[in-house]
Amino acid sequence: MGKIRKTYNVAFKEKAVNLYLKKGMSYKNVGRDLEMDHSLVRRWVKSFQAEGPGMGRPRTRPEDPEVKLKRLEAENEMLKKLLQM
């Protein structure tokens, strides 16, 4: 069985980054205080410094309007065929 991955919201990530940057805590101390791996804190700090608040990549890419239109048209055709059966 695989591990279940825990996800963290942006507010939690900002709290961890602020503990490191503003309070001067070490990665390990922040990780221990928040009960998480210190390597995540390090990654979030680097991302925050590079990109600013709102860290992390979006979980899904926005769908191109033309691709979405073609997909929806294909779904409509399939539904029409199913209804004619």
C-alpha atoms as a PDB file:
ATOM      1  CA  MET A   1       0.000   0.000   0.000  1.00  0.00           C
ATOM      2  CA  GLY A   2       1.176   3.509  -0.779  1.00  0.00           C
ATOM      3  CA  LYS A   3       1.457   6.326   1.667  1.00  0.00           C
ATOM      4  CA  ILE A   4      -1.351   8.826   1.986  1.00  0.00           C
ATOM      5  CA  ARG A   5       0.001  12.260   1.128  1.00  0.00           C
ATOM      6  CA  LYS A   6      -0.997  15.084   3.405  1.00  0.00           C
ATOM      7  CA  THR A   7      -1.814  18.409   1.788  1.00  0.00           C
ATOM      8  CA  TYR A   8      -1.416  21.801   3.416  1.00  0.00           C
ATOM      9  CA  ASN A   9      -3.364  24.955   2.666  1.00  0.00           C
ATOM     10  CA  VAL A  10      -1.701  28.264   1.811  1.00  0.00           C
ATOM     11  CA  ALA A  11      -2.356  29.752   5.274  1.00  0.00           C
ATOM     12  CA  PHE A  12      -0.497  26.864   6.930  1.00  0.00           C
ATOM     13  CA  LYS A  13       2.404  27.207   4.515  1.00  0.00           C
ATOM     14  CA  GLU A  14       2.611  30.955   5.166  1.00  0.00           C
ATOM     15  CA  LYS A  15       2.651  30.286   8.914  1.00  0.00           C
ATOM     16  CA  ALA A  16       5.581  27.891   8.507  1.00  0.00           C
ATOM     17  CA  VAL A  17       7.473  30.327   6.267  1.00  0.00           C
ATOM     18  CA  ASN A  18       6.878  33.203   8.692  1.00  0.00           C
ATOM     19  CA  LEU A  19       8.183  31.143  11.604  1.00  0.00           C
ATOM     20  CA  TYR A  20      11.378  30.597   9.652  1.00  0.00           C
ATOM     21  CA  LEU A  21      11.804  34.073   8.162  1.00  0.00           C
ATOM     22  CA  LYS A  22      10.383  36.372  10.843  1.00  0.00           C
ATOM     23  CA  LYS A  23      10.954  34.410  14.038  1.00  0.00           C
ATOM     24  CA  GLY A  24      14.358  33.126  12.964  1.00  0.00           C
ATOM     25  CA  MET A  25      13.574  29.512  13.761  1.00  0.00           C
ATOM     26  CA  SER A  26      15.483  26.734  12.037  1.00  0.00           C
ATOM     27  CA  TYR A  27      13.872  24.441   9.472  1.00  0.00           C
ATOM     28  CA  LYS A  28      14.035  21.560  11.944  1.00  0.00           C
ATOM     29  CA  ASN A  29      12.434  23.554  14.761  1.00  0.00           C
ATOM     30  CA  VAL A  30       9.602  24.752  12.513  1.00  0.00           C
ATOM     31  CA  GLY A  31       9.048  21.203  11.302  1.00  0.00           C
ATOM     32  CA  ARG A  32       9.039  19.837  14.832  1.00  0.00           C
ATOM     33  CA  ASP A  33       6.665  22.554  16.117  1.00  0.00           C
ATOM     34  CA  LEU A  34       4.219  22.001  13.248  1.00  0.00           C
ATOM     35  CA  GLU A  35       4.670  18.204  13.267  1.00  0.00           C
ATOM     36  CA  MET A  36       5.907  17.938   9.704  1.00  0.00           C
ATOM     37  CA  ASP A  37       9.104  17.201   7.810  1.00  0.00           C
ATOM     38  CA  HIS A  38      11.598  20.062   7.801  1.00  0.00           C
ATOM     39  CA  SER A  39      12.367  19.532   4.105  1.00  0.00           C
ATOM     40  CA  LEU A  40       8.857  20.776   3.257  1.00  0.00           C
ATOM     41  CA  VAL A  41       9.521  23.977   5.191  1.00  0.00           C
ATOM     42  CA  ARG A  42      12.748  24.480   3.256  1.00  0.00           C
ATOM     43  CA  ARG A  43      10.942  23.954  -0.051  1.00  0.00           C
ATOM     44  CA  TRP A  44       8.159  26.385   0.908  1.00  0.00           C
ATOM     45  CA  VAL A  45      10.655  29.062   1.977  1.00  0.00           C
ATOM     46  CA  LYS A  46      12.501  28.783  -1.340  1.00  0.00           C
ATOM     47  CA  SER A  47       9.232  28.953  -3.251  1.00  0.00           C
ATOM     48  CA  PHE A  48       8.053  31.941  -1.222  1.00  0.00           C
ATOM     49  CA  GLN A  49      11.300  33.801  -1.835  1.00  0.00           C
ATOM     50  CA  ALA A  50      11.152  33.059  -5.560  1.00  0.00           C
ATOM     51  CA  GLU A  51       7.421  33.561  -6.205  1.00  0.00           C
ATOM     52  CA  GLY A  52       5.956  35.386  -3.211  1.00  0.00           C
ATOM     53  CA  PRO A  53       2.736  34.529  -1.378  1.00  0.00           C
ATOM     54  CA  GLY A  54       0.261  32.096  -2.892  1.00  0.00           C
ATOM     55  CA  MET A  55       2.971  29.494  -3.121  1.00  0.00           C
ATOM     56  CA  GLY A  56       2.723  26.282  -4.999  1.00  0.00           C
ATOM     57  CA  ARG A  57       1.691  25.237  -8.420  1.00  0.00           C
ATOM     58  CA  PRO A  58      -1.956  24.831  -9.257  1.00  0.00           C
ATOM     59  CA  ARG A  59      -3.196  21.264  -9.046  1.00  0.00           C
ATOM     60  CA  THR A  60      -4.662  21.384 -12.546  1.00  0.00           C
ATOM     61  CA  ARG A  61      -3.870  23.409 -15.601  1.00  0.00           C
ATOM     62  CA  PRO A  62      -6.653  25.552 -17.028  1.00  0.00           C
ATOM     63  CA  GLU A  63      -8.164  23.914 -20.073  1.00  0.00           C
ATOM     64  CA  ASP A  64      -7.643  25.616 -23.414  1.00  0.00           C
ATOM     65  CA  PRO A  65     -11.024  26.991 -24.615  1.00  0.00           C
ATOM     66  CA  GLU A  66     -10.730  25.314 -28.031  1.00  0.00           C
ATOM     67  CA  VAL A  67      -9.864  21.955 -26.491  1.00  0.00           C
ATOM     68  CA  LYS A  68     -12.735  22.318 -24.028  1.00  0.00           C
ATOM     69  CA  LEU A  69     -15.161  23.141 -26.841  1.00  0.00           C
ATOM     70  CA  LYS A  70     -14.110  20.064 -28.851  1.00  0.00           C
ATOM     71  CA  ARG A  71     -14.400  17.854 -25.770  1.00  0.00           C
ATOM     72  CA  LEU A  72     -17.876  19.135 -24.958  1.00  0.00           C
ATOM     73  CA  GLU A  73     -19.030  18.746 -28.576  1.00  0.00           C
ATOM     74  CA  ALA A  74     -17.818  15.141 -28.567  1.00  0.00           C
ATOM     75  CA  GLU A  75     -19.654  14.495 -25.299  1.00  0.00           C
ATOM     76  CA  ASN A  76     -22.850  15.962 -26.775  1.00  0.00           C
ATOM     77  CA  GLU A  77     -22.592  13.739 -29.861  1.00  0.00           C
ATOM     78  CA  MET A  78     -22.051  10.679 -27.698  1.00  0.00           C
ATOM     79  CA  LEU A  79     -25.086  11.550 -25.549  1.00  0.00           C
ATOM     80  CA  LYS A  80     -27.235  12.082 -28.662  1.00  0.00           C
ATOM     81  CA  LYS A  81     -26.248   8.647 -29.960  1.00  0.00           C
ATOM     82  CA  LEU A  82     -27.047   7.057 -26.589  1.00  0.00           C
ATOM     83  CA  LEU A  83     -30.484   8.697 -26.517  1.00  0.00           C
ATOM     84  CA  GLN A  84     -31.281   7.368 -30.021  1.00  0.00           C
ATOM     85  CA  MET A  85     -30.693   3.771 -28.965  1.00  0.00           C
END
